[in-house]
N, C-alpha and C. Protein backbone atom coordinates (compact mmCIF):
# COMPACT_ATOMS: atom_id res chain seq x y z
N MET A 1 -38.75 -56.68 12.03
CA MET A 1 -38.45 -55.29 11.76
C MET A 1 -37.10 -54.93 12.38
N SER A 2 -36.26 -54.27 11.63
CA SER A 2 -34.93 -53.91 12.10
C SER A 2 -34.97 -52.72 13.04
N MET A 3 -34.18 -52.81 14.10
CA MET A 3 -34.07 -51.71 15.05
C MET A 3 -32.90 -50.80 14.72
N ILE A 4 -32.13 -51.16 13.70
CA ILE A 4 -30.91 -50.41 13.37
C ILE A 4 -31.19 -48.93 13.11
N PRO A 5 -32.18 -48.55 12.32
CA PRO A 5 -32.41 -47.10 12.12
C PRO A 5 -32.70 -46.35 13.43
N ASP A 6 -33.44 -46.99 14.33
CA ASP A 6 -33.73 -46.35 15.63
C ASP A 6 -32.46 -46.23 16.47
N ILE A 7 -31.65 -47.26 16.45
CA ILE A 7 -30.40 -47.24 17.22
C ILE A 7 -29.48 -46.16 16.68
N LEU A 8 -29.38 -46.05 15.35
CA LEU A 8 -28.52 -45.03 14.75
C LEU A 8 -28.97 -43.62 15.09
N GLN A 9 -30.24 -43.44 15.39
CA GLN A 9 -30.76 -42.13 15.77
C GLN A 9 -30.23 -41.68 17.13
N VAL A 10 -29.96 -42.62 18.03
CA VAL A 10 -29.61 -42.25 19.41
C VAL A 10 -28.18 -42.63 19.81
N ILE A 11 -27.50 -43.35 18.96
CA ILE A 11 -26.20 -43.91 19.37
C ILE A 11 -25.11 -42.87 19.54
N THR A 12 -25.25 -41.69 18.96
CA THR A 12 -24.21 -40.67 19.11
C THR A 12 -24.49 -39.69 20.25
N ASN A 13 -25.55 -39.90 20.98
CA ASN A 13 -25.81 -39.07 22.16
C ASN A 13 -24.83 -39.49 23.25
N HIS A 14 -24.12 -38.55 23.86
CA HIS A 14 -23.09 -38.89 24.85
C HIS A 14 -23.64 -39.71 26.01
N ASP A 15 -24.92 -39.58 26.33
CA ASP A 15 -25.50 -40.39 27.40
C ASP A 15 -25.62 -41.86 27.02
N ASN A 16 -25.51 -42.18 25.74
CA ASN A 16 -25.64 -43.55 25.26
C ASN A 16 -24.31 -44.20 24.91
N ILE A 17 -23.22 -43.54 25.25
CA ILE A 17 -21.87 -44.03 24.95
C ILE A 17 -21.26 -44.58 26.24
N GLY A 18 -20.76 -45.80 26.19
CA GLY A 18 -20.14 -46.41 27.37
C GLY A 18 -18.67 -46.06 27.52
N ASP A 19 -17.96 -45.93 26.41
CA ASP A 19 -16.55 -45.59 26.45
C ASP A 19 -16.38 -44.16 26.96
N MET A 20 -15.65 -44.01 28.06
CA MET A 20 -15.54 -42.69 28.69
C MET A 20 -14.84 -41.67 27.80
N HIS A 21 -13.87 -42.10 27.00
CA HIS A 21 -13.16 -41.16 26.14
C HIS A 21 -14.09 -40.59 25.07
N PHE A 22 -14.82 -41.45 24.37
CA PHE A 22 -15.77 -40.97 23.37
C PHE A 22 -16.89 -40.16 24.01
N LYS A 23 -17.34 -40.60 25.17
CA LYS A 23 -18.39 -39.87 25.89
C LYS A 23 -17.92 -38.44 26.19
N MET A 24 -16.70 -38.31 26.67
CA MET A 24 -16.17 -36.98 27.00
C MET A 24 -16.00 -36.12 25.76
N ILE A 25 -15.52 -36.70 24.66
CA ILE A 25 -15.34 -35.93 23.43
C ILE A 25 -16.69 -35.44 22.92
N LEU A 26 -17.70 -36.30 22.97
CA LEU A 26 -19.03 -35.89 22.50
C LEU A 26 -19.66 -34.85 23.42
N LYS A 27 -19.40 -34.96 24.70
CA LYS A 27 -19.99 -34.03 25.66
C LYS A 27 -19.28 -32.67 25.66
N TYR A 28 -17.95 -32.70 25.48
CA TYR A 28 -17.14 -31.46 25.53
C TYR A 28 -16.22 -31.35 24.32
N PRO A 29 -16.76 -31.31 23.11
CA PRO A 29 -15.90 -31.31 21.92
C PRO A 29 -14.93 -30.13 21.86
N ALA A 30 -15.32 -28.97 22.37
CA ALA A 30 -14.44 -27.80 22.31
C ALA A 30 -13.17 -28.00 23.14
N LYS A 31 -13.29 -28.70 24.28
CA LYS A 31 -12.10 -28.97 25.11
C LYS A 31 -11.06 -29.79 24.35
N TYR A 32 -11.54 -30.67 23.48
CA TYR A 32 -10.65 -31.55 22.71
C TYR A 32 -10.27 -30.97 21.36
N ASN A 33 -10.84 -29.80 21.05
CA ASN A 33 -10.63 -29.16 19.75
C ASN A 33 -11.09 -30.08 18.61
N PHE A 34 -12.24 -30.71 18.82
CA PHE A 34 -12.86 -31.61 17.84
C PHE A 34 -14.18 -31.02 17.38
N ARG A 35 -14.49 -31.28 16.14
CA ARG A 35 -15.84 -31.01 15.68
C ARG A 35 -16.71 -32.19 16.11
N LYS A 36 -17.76 -31.92 16.84
CA LYS A 36 -18.65 -32.97 17.34
C LYS A 36 -19.16 -33.84 16.20
N GLU A 37 -19.46 -33.20 15.06
CA GLU A 37 -19.99 -33.93 13.91
C GLU A 37 -19.00 -34.98 13.40
N LEU A 38 -17.71 -34.71 13.52
CA LEU A 38 -16.70 -35.67 13.07
C LEU A 38 -16.75 -36.94 13.91
N ILE A 39 -16.87 -36.80 15.22
CA ILE A 39 -16.97 -37.96 16.10
C ILE A 39 -18.28 -38.70 15.86
N GLU A 40 -19.36 -37.95 15.66
CA GLU A 40 -20.65 -38.59 15.36
C GLU A 40 -20.57 -39.39 14.06
N MET A 41 -19.93 -38.82 13.03
CA MET A 41 -19.77 -39.55 11.77
C MET A 41 -18.94 -40.81 11.95
N PHE A 42 -17.88 -40.71 12.77
CA PHE A 42 -17.05 -41.89 13.03
C PHE A 42 -17.87 -43.00 13.68
N ILE A 43 -18.62 -42.66 14.71
CA ILE A 43 -19.41 -43.66 15.43
C ILE A 43 -20.46 -44.28 14.51
N LEU A 44 -21.16 -43.45 13.75
CA LEU A 44 -22.17 -43.96 12.83
C LEU A 44 -21.54 -44.85 11.75
N SER A 45 -20.40 -44.43 11.21
CA SER A 45 -19.72 -45.24 10.20
C SER A 45 -19.27 -46.57 10.77
N PHE A 46 -18.74 -46.55 11.99
CA PHE A 46 -18.30 -47.79 12.63
C PHE A 46 -19.46 -48.78 12.72
N PHE A 47 -20.58 -48.34 13.27
CA PHE A 47 -21.70 -49.26 13.47
C PHE A 47 -22.34 -49.68 12.15
N LYS A 48 -22.46 -48.78 11.19
CA LYS A 48 -23.00 -49.15 9.89
C LYS A 48 -22.12 -50.20 9.22
N THR A 49 -20.81 -50.04 9.33
CA THR A 49 -19.89 -51.03 8.76
C THR A 49 -19.97 -52.34 9.53
N LEU A 50 -20.01 -52.27 10.84
CA LEU A 50 -20.11 -53.47 11.68
C LEU A 50 -21.34 -54.29 11.33
N TRP A 51 -22.45 -53.63 11.14
CA TRP A 51 -23.73 -54.32 10.91
C TRP A 51 -23.99 -54.68 9.45
N ASN A 52 -23.16 -54.19 8.54
CA ASN A 52 -23.34 -54.48 7.12
C ASN A 52 -22.54 -55.74 6.77
N LYS A 53 -23.17 -56.88 6.82
CA LYS A 53 -22.48 -58.15 6.60
C LYS A 53 -22.10 -58.35 5.13
N ASP A 54 -22.60 -57.50 4.22
CA ASP A 54 -22.20 -57.57 2.82
C ASP A 54 -20.85 -56.88 2.60
N ASN A 55 -20.41 -56.11 3.56
CA ASN A 55 -19.15 -55.41 3.48
C ASN A 55 -18.06 -56.29 4.08
N GLU A 56 -17.02 -56.60 3.31
CA GLU A 56 -15.96 -57.50 3.78
C GLU A 56 -15.21 -56.96 4.99
N ILE A 57 -15.24 -55.66 5.19
CA ILE A 57 -14.57 -55.06 6.35
C ILE A 57 -15.28 -55.42 7.64
N SER A 58 -16.58 -55.65 7.59
CA SER A 58 -17.33 -55.94 8.82
C SER A 58 -16.78 -57.17 9.54
N ALA A 59 -16.23 -58.11 8.80
CA ALA A 59 -15.66 -59.31 9.43
C ALA A 59 -14.37 -58.99 10.19
N LYS A 60 -13.76 -57.85 9.90
CA LYS A 60 -12.51 -57.46 10.55
C LYS A 60 -12.74 -56.57 11.77
N ILE A 61 -13.99 -56.18 11.98
CA ILE A 61 -14.32 -55.29 13.09
C ILE A 61 -14.88 -56.10 14.25
N ASN A 62 -14.42 -55.77 15.43
CA ASN A 62 -14.90 -56.44 16.63
C ASN A 62 -15.38 -55.38 17.62
N LEU A 63 -16.54 -55.61 18.19
CA LEU A 63 -17.07 -54.70 19.21
C LEU A 63 -17.11 -55.45 20.52
N ASP A 64 -16.31 -55.01 21.47
CA ASP A 64 -16.34 -55.59 22.81
C ASP A 64 -17.30 -54.78 23.66
N ILE A 65 -18.25 -55.47 24.26
CA ILE A 65 -19.20 -54.81 25.15
C ILE A 65 -18.80 -55.16 26.57
N LEU A 66 -18.42 -54.16 27.32
CA LEU A 66 -17.97 -54.36 28.69
C LEU A 66 -19.16 -54.24 29.62
N ALA A 67 -19.36 -55.26 30.41
CA ALA A 67 -20.50 -55.27 31.34
C ALA A 67 -20.12 -54.59 32.66
N GLY A 68 -21.11 -54.04 33.31
CA GLY A 68 -20.89 -53.45 34.62
C GLY A 68 -20.53 -51.99 34.55
N SER A 69 -20.33 -51.43 35.73
CA SER A 69 -20.00 -50.01 35.82
C SER A 69 -18.49 -49.83 35.92
N HIS A 70 -18.07 -48.59 35.75
CA HIS A 70 -16.65 -48.28 35.89
C HIS A 70 -16.27 -48.35 37.36
N ASN A 71 -15.29 -49.17 37.67
CA ASN A 71 -14.84 -49.32 39.04
C ASN A 71 -13.33 -49.54 39.06
N GLU A 72 -12.61 -48.73 38.29
CA GLU A 72 -11.17 -48.90 38.19
C GLU A 72 -10.49 -48.51 39.50
N SER A 73 -9.41 -49.22 39.79
CA SER A 73 -8.71 -48.99 41.06
C SER A 73 -7.35 -48.35 40.88
N ALA A 74 -6.90 -48.18 39.62
CA ALA A 74 -5.59 -47.56 39.38
C ALA A 74 -5.47 -47.14 37.92
N PHE A 75 -4.53 -46.22 37.67
CA PHE A 75 -4.16 -45.84 36.31
C PHE A 75 -2.73 -46.30 36.12
N VAL A 76 -2.50 -47.11 35.10
CA VAL A 76 -1.18 -47.69 34.87
C VAL A 76 -0.66 -47.25 33.50
N GLU A 77 0.52 -46.67 33.51
CA GLU A 77 1.19 -46.29 32.28
C GLU A 77 2.25 -47.35 31.99
N VAL A 78 2.28 -47.85 30.75
CA VAL A 78 3.17 -48.96 30.40
C VAL A 78 4.15 -48.53 29.33
N ARG A 79 5.42 -48.93 29.51
CA ARG A 79 6.47 -48.72 28.50
C ARG A 79 7.06 -50.07 28.14
N SER A 80 7.33 -50.28 26.85
CA SER A 80 7.92 -51.54 26.38
C SER A 80 9.43 -51.42 26.30
N ASP A 81 10.08 -52.57 26.12
CA ASP A 81 11.52 -52.54 25.95
C ASP A 81 11.89 -52.26 24.50
N LYS A 82 13.18 -52.04 24.23
CA LYS A 82 13.65 -51.66 22.90
C LYS A 82 13.40 -52.75 21.86
N GLU A 83 13.48 -54.02 22.26
CA GLU A 83 13.24 -55.12 21.32
C GLU A 83 11.80 -55.09 20.81
N CYS A 84 10.86 -54.85 21.69
CA CYS A 84 9.45 -54.74 21.28
C CYS A 84 9.26 -53.54 20.37
N GLU A 85 9.90 -52.43 20.71
CA GLU A 85 9.78 -51.23 19.89
C GLU A 85 10.31 -51.47 18.49
N LYS A 86 11.49 -52.10 18.39
CA LYS A 86 12.08 -52.37 17.07
C LYS A 86 11.19 -53.28 16.23
N ALA A 87 10.57 -54.25 16.87
CA ALA A 87 9.69 -55.19 16.16
C ALA A 87 8.28 -54.63 15.98
N MET A 88 8.04 -53.44 16.51
CA MET A 88 6.72 -52.79 16.49
C MET A 88 5.67 -53.72 17.11
N LEU A 89 6.03 -54.30 18.25
CA LEU A 89 5.14 -55.17 19.00
C LEU A 89 4.86 -54.56 20.36
N THR A 90 3.69 -54.84 20.87
CA THR A 90 3.36 -54.39 22.21
C THR A 90 2.67 -55.53 22.94
N PRO A 91 3.03 -55.76 24.19
CA PRO A 91 2.40 -56.85 24.93
C PRO A 91 0.94 -56.53 25.26
N LEU A 92 0.12 -57.56 25.20
CA LEU A 92 -1.27 -57.40 25.61
C LEU A 92 -1.36 -57.55 27.12
N LEU A 93 -2.02 -56.62 27.74
CA LEU A 93 -2.17 -56.65 29.19
C LEU A 93 -3.65 -56.65 29.54
N PRO A 94 -4.08 -57.59 30.36
CA PRO A 94 -5.49 -57.58 30.76
C PRO A 94 -5.76 -56.40 31.70
N ASN A 95 -6.88 -55.73 31.50
CA ASN A 95 -7.18 -54.59 32.37
C ASN A 95 -8.27 -54.91 33.39
N LYS A 96 -8.74 -56.15 33.38
CA LYS A 96 -9.81 -56.50 34.31
C LYS A 96 -9.76 -58.00 34.60
N ASN A 97 -9.97 -58.32 35.86
CA ASN A 97 -10.19 -59.72 36.25
C ASN A 97 -11.24 -59.72 37.35
N LYS A 98 -11.44 -60.85 38.00
CA LYS A 98 -12.50 -60.90 39.01
C LYS A 98 -12.17 -60.11 40.28
N PHE A 99 -10.92 -59.66 40.41
CA PHE A 99 -10.51 -58.94 41.61
C PHE A 99 -10.40 -57.43 41.42
N ALA A 100 -10.00 -57.00 40.23
CA ALA A 100 -9.73 -55.57 40.03
C ALA A 100 -9.88 -55.17 38.57
N SER A 101 -10.05 -53.88 38.38
CA SER A 101 -10.11 -53.28 37.05
C SER A 101 -9.20 -52.06 37.07
N ILE A 102 -8.38 -51.89 36.02
CA ILE A 102 -7.46 -50.76 35.96
C ILE A 102 -7.56 -50.09 34.59
N LEU A 103 -7.17 -48.83 34.55
CA LEU A 103 -7.04 -48.11 33.30
C LEU A 103 -5.59 -48.26 32.86
N ILE A 104 -5.38 -48.62 31.59
CA ILE A 104 -4.02 -48.81 31.07
C ILE A 104 -3.79 -47.86 29.92
N ASN A 105 -2.68 -47.15 29.97
CA ASN A 105 -2.22 -46.32 28.86
C ASN A 105 -0.87 -46.87 28.42
N HIS A 106 -0.85 -47.51 27.26
CA HIS A 106 0.39 -48.11 26.76
C HIS A 106 1.04 -47.14 25.78
N LEU A 107 2.01 -46.37 26.27
CA LEU A 107 2.62 -45.30 25.49
C LEU A 107 3.25 -45.79 24.20
N ASP A 108 3.92 -46.93 24.23
CA ASP A 108 4.60 -47.41 23.03
C ASP A 108 3.61 -47.98 22.02
N ALA A 109 2.55 -48.61 22.50
CA ALA A 109 1.52 -49.10 21.57
C ALA A 109 0.88 -47.92 20.85
N ILE A 110 0.63 -46.85 21.58
CA ILE A 110 0.06 -45.65 20.98
C ILE A 110 1.02 -45.07 19.95
N SER A 111 2.30 -45.05 20.28
CA SER A 111 3.30 -44.50 19.37
C SER A 111 3.37 -45.31 18.07
N VAL A 112 3.31 -46.63 18.18
CA VAL A 112 3.33 -47.49 16.99
C VAL A 112 2.11 -47.20 16.12
N ARG A 113 0.94 -47.14 16.74
CA ARG A 113 -0.29 -46.88 15.98
C ARG A 113 -0.27 -45.49 15.35
N ARG A 114 0.23 -44.50 16.07
CA ARG A 114 0.29 -43.15 15.51
C ARG A 114 1.27 -43.09 14.34
N ALA A 115 2.36 -43.82 14.43
CA ALA A 115 3.32 -43.87 13.31
C ALA A 115 2.66 -44.50 12.08
N GLN A 116 1.88 -45.55 12.29
CA GLN A 116 1.17 -46.18 11.18
C GLN A 116 0.15 -45.22 10.58
N MET A 117 -0.58 -44.52 11.43
CA MET A 117 -1.58 -43.56 10.95
C MET A 117 -0.92 -42.40 10.21
N ALA A 118 0.20 -41.90 10.73
CA ALA A 118 0.91 -40.80 10.08
C ALA A 118 1.38 -41.23 8.70
N GLU A 119 1.88 -42.43 8.60
CA GLU A 119 2.32 -42.97 7.31
C GLU A 119 1.15 -43.03 6.34
N PHE A 120 0.03 -43.56 6.80
CA PHE A 120 -1.16 -43.68 5.96
C PHE A 120 -1.64 -42.31 5.49
N PHE A 121 -1.82 -41.39 6.43
CA PHE A 121 -2.36 -40.08 6.07
C PHE A 121 -1.39 -39.27 5.20
N SER A 122 -0.10 -39.35 5.48
CA SER A 122 0.84 -38.55 4.69
C SER A 122 1.08 -39.13 3.31
N ASN A 123 0.94 -40.45 3.14
CA ASN A 123 1.21 -41.06 1.83
C ASN A 123 -0.03 -41.36 1.01
N LYS A 124 -1.13 -41.67 1.64
CA LYS A 124 -2.31 -42.13 0.91
C LYS A 124 -3.38 -41.06 0.73
N ILE A 125 -3.49 -40.15 1.68
CA ILE A 125 -4.60 -39.20 1.65
C ILE A 125 -4.11 -37.76 1.53
N ASN A 126 -2.87 -37.55 1.42
CA ASN A 126 -2.26 -36.22 1.47
C ASN A 126 -2.27 -35.56 0.09
N HIS A 127 -3.46 -35.19 -0.39
CA HIS A 127 -3.58 -34.68 -1.76
C HIS A 127 -3.95 -33.20 -1.83
N HIS A 128 -3.76 -32.46 -0.76
CA HIS A 128 -4.11 -31.05 -0.81
C HIS A 128 -2.90 -30.21 -1.22
N GLN A 129 -3.06 -28.92 -1.29
CA GLN A 129 -2.02 -28.04 -1.82
C GLN A 129 -0.75 -28.03 -0.96
N ASP A 130 -0.91 -28.14 0.34
CA ASP A 130 0.25 -28.12 1.23
C ASP A 130 0.41 -29.48 1.90
N PRO A 131 1.02 -30.44 1.20
CA PRO A 131 1.12 -31.78 1.79
C PRO A 131 1.95 -31.78 3.08
N VAL A 132 1.62 -32.71 3.96
CA VAL A 132 2.30 -32.83 5.24
C VAL A 132 3.12 -34.11 5.23
N ASP A 133 4.39 -34.00 5.61
CA ASP A 133 5.24 -35.19 5.63
C ASP A 133 4.89 -36.06 6.84
N GLY A 134 5.31 -37.32 6.79
CA GLY A 134 4.97 -38.29 7.83
C GLY A 134 5.42 -37.89 9.22
N ASN A 135 6.62 -37.32 9.33
CA ASN A 135 7.14 -36.94 10.64
C ASN A 135 6.31 -35.80 11.25
N THR A 136 5.95 -34.83 10.43
CA THR A 136 5.11 -33.73 10.92
C THR A 136 3.75 -34.25 11.35
N MET A 137 3.18 -35.15 10.54
CA MET A 137 1.88 -35.74 10.89
C MET A 137 1.98 -36.51 12.20
N PHE A 138 3.06 -37.29 12.38
CA PHE A 138 3.26 -38.05 13.61
C PHE A 138 3.34 -37.11 14.82
N ASN A 139 4.09 -36.02 14.68
CA ASN A 139 4.21 -35.05 15.78
C ASN A 139 2.87 -34.40 16.10
N ARG A 140 2.06 -34.13 15.10
CA ARG A 140 0.74 -33.54 15.32
C ARG A 140 -0.18 -34.54 16.02
N LEU A 141 -0.14 -35.80 15.59
CA LEU A 141 -0.95 -36.83 16.24
C LEU A 141 -0.56 -36.97 17.71
N ASN A 142 0.75 -36.97 17.98
CA ASN A 142 1.21 -37.04 19.37
C ASN A 142 0.72 -35.84 20.17
N HIS A 143 0.87 -34.65 19.61
CA HIS A 143 0.45 -33.44 20.31
C HIS A 143 -1.02 -33.50 20.71
N HIS A 144 -1.87 -33.78 19.74
CA HIS A 144 -3.31 -33.84 20.02
C HIS A 144 -3.67 -35.03 20.90
N GLY A 145 -2.96 -36.14 20.72
CA GLY A 145 -3.22 -37.32 21.55
C GLY A 145 -2.91 -37.08 23.01
N TYR A 146 -1.79 -36.41 23.29
CA TYR A 146 -1.44 -36.15 24.68
C TYR A 146 -2.39 -35.14 25.33
N ILE A 147 -2.86 -34.19 24.54
CA ILE A 147 -3.87 -33.26 25.07
C ILE A 147 -5.13 -34.02 25.44
N ALA A 148 -5.60 -34.90 24.54
CA ALA A 148 -6.81 -35.69 24.80
C ALA A 148 -6.61 -36.60 26.01
N LEU A 149 -5.44 -37.21 26.13
CA LEU A 149 -5.15 -38.06 27.29
C LEU A 149 -5.22 -37.25 28.58
N ASP A 150 -4.67 -36.04 28.55
CA ASP A 150 -4.69 -35.20 29.74
C ASP A 150 -6.12 -34.84 30.14
N ILE A 151 -6.95 -34.49 29.17
CA ILE A 151 -8.33 -34.09 29.47
C ILE A 151 -9.12 -35.28 30.00
N THR A 152 -9.12 -36.38 29.24
CA THR A 152 -9.89 -37.55 29.68
C THR A 152 -9.31 -38.14 30.95
N GLY A 153 -7.99 -38.24 31.03
CA GLY A 153 -7.34 -38.79 32.22
C GLY A 153 -7.63 -38.00 33.47
N SER A 154 -7.68 -36.68 33.35
CA SER A 154 -7.96 -35.86 34.53
C SER A 154 -9.39 -36.07 35.02
N TYR A 155 -10.26 -36.54 34.16
CA TYR A 155 -11.64 -36.81 34.56
C TYR A 155 -11.79 -38.24 35.08
N VAL A 156 -11.35 -39.22 34.30
CA VAL A 156 -11.63 -40.62 34.66
C VAL A 156 -10.67 -41.19 35.69
N ALA A 157 -9.50 -40.57 35.85
CA ALA A 157 -8.50 -41.12 36.76
C ALA A 157 -8.06 -40.12 37.83
N LYS A 158 -8.85 -39.10 38.08
CA LYS A 158 -8.40 -38.01 38.95
C LYS A 158 -8.12 -38.46 40.39
N ASN A 159 -8.81 -39.45 40.89
CA ASN A 159 -8.59 -39.88 42.27
C ASN A 159 -7.92 -41.24 42.37
N LEU A 160 -7.39 -41.73 41.27
CA LEU A 160 -6.77 -43.06 41.26
C LEU A 160 -5.27 -42.97 41.48
N PRO A 161 -4.68 -43.98 42.10
CA PRO A 161 -3.22 -44.03 42.17
C PRO A 161 -2.64 -44.24 40.77
N PHE A 162 -1.47 -43.68 40.53
CA PHE A 162 -0.83 -43.71 39.22
C PHE A 162 0.44 -44.55 39.32
N TYR A 163 0.60 -45.51 38.39
CA TYR A 163 1.78 -46.37 38.37
C TYR A 163 2.36 -46.39 36.97
N THR A 164 3.68 -46.56 36.91
CA THR A 164 4.36 -46.75 35.63
C THR A 164 5.06 -48.10 35.65
N ILE A 165 4.85 -48.86 34.58
CA ILE A 165 5.48 -50.17 34.45
C ILE A 165 6.41 -50.12 33.23
N ASN A 166 7.68 -50.45 33.44
CA ASN A 166 8.65 -50.54 32.35
C ASN A 166 8.92 -52.01 32.10
N LEU A 167 8.48 -52.50 30.94
CA LEU A 167 8.67 -53.91 30.61
C LEU A 167 10.05 -54.05 29.98
N ALA A 168 10.87 -54.87 30.58
CA ALA A 168 12.23 -55.04 30.06
C ALA A 168 12.53 -56.51 29.85
C-alpha cells in the first residue's frame, strides 16, 4: 500500500518542512507577501513530479535530505569574479563538512538564476494584457528576493558571524 497520499496530506505543514526558508514562508506567508496556497501547491507539485516515474521530468529532479539539526556557525555571502559572471558560471561551495556547517548566500548565482527566470516568464508566460519586459521582471525578482533573504536571514542567522568572500 502506498503511503504517498498520506504524506501529501501532511507535507505542506510548516512543522514537517526541514528547509528553514520554506518553513518560514509557510509559517509567516504575510511577512513574505506570499499566498500560502501558492507555496503549498509548489511543494505538492514538486513531490508529485518527483515520485511520478512515468514523468520524464522526475529523472531531472533531485531531493537532498540533510541529516541532523541546524548547527550553522556562520553566514557567508559570496561574490564571483567578472569572468564567472560573463560565462554565467558560479563555483560550487560545500556548506558542510565533519567540522562545521555554514549558511551560504551566493549573490551572483542568485542573479544568474533570476535572469534566467525573468527571461522565461517575460518571453514564455507573459500573455496577459499588460506584458512585463525581462528587465522589469528581473528587478521585481531581485526586489522580492532581497526582502525574503532579509526576513529569513534575520531569523536563521541572527546570532551568527557574517563574512563576505570575493572570488577573484
